[in-house]
C-alpha atoms as a PDB file:
ATOM      1  CA  MET A   1      -3.955  -8.773 -15.335  1.00  0.00           C
ATOM      2  CA  ALA A   2      -6.064  -6.019 -13.917  1.00  0.00           C
ATOM      3  CA  LEU A   3      -4.912  -6.905 -10.377  1.00  0.00           C
ATOM      4  CA  GLY A   4      -1.320  -6.681 -11.533  1.00  0.00           C
ATOM      5  CA  CYS A   5      -1.708  -3.311 -13.078  1.00  0.00           C
ATOM      6  CA  GLY A   6      -3.650  -1.716 -10.296  1.00  0.00           C
ATOM      7  CA  GLY A   7      -1.299  -1.429  -7.283  1.00  0.00           C
ATOM      8  CA  CYS A   8      -2.491  -0.622  -3.771  1.00  0.00           C
ATOM      9  CA  GLY A   9      -0.251   1.984  -3.064  1.00  0.00           C
ATOM     10  CA  SER A  10      -0.822   5.792  -3.585  1.00  0.00           C
ATOM     11  CA  THR A  11       0.969   9.058  -3.266  1.00  0.00           C
ATOM     12  CA  LYS A  12       0.451  11.483  -0.306  1.00  0.00           C
ATOM     13  CA  MET A  13       0.829  15.279   0.133  1.00  0.00           C
ATOM     14  CA  ILE A  14       2.748  16.019   3.162  1.00  0.00           C
ATOM     15  CA  GLY A  15       3.717  19.512   3.906  1.00  0.00           C
ATOM     16  CA  GLY A  16       2.793  20.726   0.463  1.00  0.00           C
ATOM     17  CA  VAL A  17       5.029  18.073  -1.201  1.00  0.00           C
ATOM     18  CA  GLU A  18       3.815  14.951  -2.948  1.00  0.00           C
ATOM     19  CA  TYR A  19       5.684  11.750  -1.924  1.00  0.00           C
ATOM     20  CA  GLY A  20       5.264   8.497  -3.834  1.00  0.00           C
ATOM     21  CA  THR A  21       5.595   4.976  -3.113  1.00  0.00           C
ATOM     22  CA  TYR A  22       9.086   3.137  -3.277  1.00  0.00           C
ATOM     23  CA  GLY A  23      10.411  -0.454  -3.182  1.00  0.00           C
ATOM     24  CA  LEU A  24      13.670  -2.148  -2.759  1.00  0.00           C
ATOM     25  CA  ILE A  25      15.044  -1.078  -6.174  1.00  0.00           C
ATOM     26  CA  ASN A  26      14.413   2.659  -6.148  1.00  0.00           C
ATOM     27  CA  GLU A  27      14.884   3.113  -2.294  1.00  0.00           C
ATOM     28  CA  ASP A  28      17.813   5.514  -2.724  1.00  0.00           C
ATOM     29  CA  ASP A  29      15.969   7.747  -5.192  1.00  0.00           C
ATOM     30  CA  LYS A  30      12.363   7.966  -3.653  1.00  0.00           C
ATOM     31  CA  LYS A  31      12.788   7.425   0.150  1.00  0.00           C
ATOM     32  CA  ASN A  32      12.893  10.549   2.338  1.00  0.00           C
ATOM     33  CA  GLU A  33      14.318  10.213   5.737  1.00  0.00           C
ATOM     34  CA  ASN A  34      11.863  12.907   7.120  1.00  0.00           C
ATOM     35  CA  VAL A  35       8.616  10.699   6.019  1.00  0.00           C
ATOM     36  CA  GLU A  36       7.276   7.839   7.837  1.00  0.00           C
ATOM     37  CA  TYR A  37       6.510   4.808   5.562  1.00  0.00           C
ATOM     38  CA  ASP A  38       4.370   1.732   5.940  1.00  0.00           C
ATOM     39  CA  VAL A  39       4.278  -1.553   4.112  1.00  0.00           C
ATOM     40  CA  ILE A  40       1.799  -2.006   1.427  1.00  0.00           C
ATOM     41  CA  TRP A  41       0.579  -5.257   2.338  1.00  0.00           C
ATOM     42  CA  GLY A  42      -1.761  -5.588  -0.611  1.00  0.00           C
ATOM     43  CA  ASN A  43       1.361  -5.454  -2.971  1.00  0.00           C
ATOM     44  CA  VAL A  44       3.244  -7.890  -0.951  1.00  0.00           C
ATOM     45  CA  ILE A  45       0.362 -10.576  -1.237  1.00  0.00           C
ATOM     46  CA  LEU A  46      -0.065  -9.760  -4.957  1.00  0.00           C
ATOM     47  CA  GLY A  47       3.659  -9.930  -5.576  1.00  0.00           C
ATOM     48  CA  ALA A  48       3.771 -13.521  -3.756  1.00  0.00           C
ATOM     49  CA  VAL A  49       0.687 -14.617  -5.735  1.00  0.00           C
ATOM     50  CA  PHE A  50       1.967 -13.629  -9.151  1.00  0.00           C
ATOM     51  CA  PHE A  51       5.519 -14.674  -8.361  1.00  0.00           C
ATOM     52  CA  GLU A  52       5.642 -17.089 -11.368  1.00  0.00           C
ATOM     53  CA  THR A  53       5.028 -13.971 -13.902  1.00  0.00           C
ATOM     54  CA  PHE A  54       8.479 -12.606 -12.680  1.00  0.00           C
ATOM     55  CA  VAL A  55       7.260  -9.031 -13.806  1.00  0.00           C
ATOM     56  CA  ALA A  56       4.775  -8.592 -11.035  1.00  0.00           C
ATOM     57  CA  PRO A  57       7.356  -9.313  -8.136  1.00  0.00           C
ATOM     58  CA  ILE A  58       9.707  -6.970  -9.603  1.00  0.00           C
ATOM     59  CA  TYR A  59       7.253  -4.244  -9.760  1.00  0.00           C
ATOM     60  CA  PHE A  60       5.556  -4.665  -6.462  1.00  0.00           C
ATOM     61  CA  PHE A  61       8.808  -5.478  -4.387  1.00  0.00           C
ATOM     62  CA  GLY A  62      11.039  -3.421  -6.376  1.00  0.00           C
ATOM     63  CA  PHE A  63       9.163  -0.136  -6.966  1.00  0.00           C
ATOM     64  CA  SER A  64       5.912  -0.260  -4.887  1.00  0.00           C
ATOM     65  CA  MET A  65       6.357  -1.818  -1.588  1.00  0.00           C
ATOM     66  CA  PHE A  66       6.303   1.165   0.914  1.00  0.00           C
ATOM     67  CA  LYS A  67       3.832   4.134   0.900  1.00  0.00           C
ATOM     68  CA  PRO A  68       4.059   7.387   2.853  1.00  0.00           C
ATOM     69  CA  VAL A  69       1.871   7.965   5.684  1.00  0.00           C
ATOM     70  CA  GLY A  70       3.102  11.115   7.262  1.00  0.00           C
ATOM     71  CA  PRO A  71       6.102  13.111   8.706  1.00  0.00           C
ATOM     72  CA  LYS A  72       8.367  11.499  11.205  1.00  0.00           C
ATOM     73  CA  ASP A  73       8.112  12.668  14.868  1.00  0.00           C
ATOM     74  CA  ALA A  74      11.180  14.662  15.172  1.00  0.00           C
ATOM     75  CA  SER A  75      11.101  14.543  19.072  1.00  0.00           C
ATOM     76  CA  GLU A  76      11.643  10.838  19.057  1.00  0.00           C
ATOM     77  CA  ALA A  77      15.115   9.537  18.276  1.00  0.00           C
ATOM     78  CA  LYS A  78      15.719   6.029  17.217  1.00  0.00           C
ATOM     79  CA  GLY A  79      16.293   3.841  20.297  1.00  0.00           C
ATOM     80  CA  GLN A  80      15.305   6.679  22.642  1.00  0.00           C
ATOM     81  CA  VAL A  81      14.125   5.416  26.041  1.00  0.00           C
ATOM     82  CA  ARG A  82      11.316   7.433  27.564  1.00  0.00           C
ATOM     83  CA  PRO A  83      11.352   8.111  31.242  1.00  0.00           C
END
């Protein structure tokens, strides 16, 4: 129970603004296009281990699957080829 309640993701201050984790359910509300996010592998593993509980996977995959790591590099566009 303690493992299920203590997720591995945390908020991060970027440019004076605090950004939180998001998942597949609240992506539209929480994800910021100017912030780089990374997968929280601990939550993915916990969601898979506790898949029989139904509550743990909904929380981990739905609300806490990605964590903010920093601002996106604006100088590189998606698919850009470097010379």
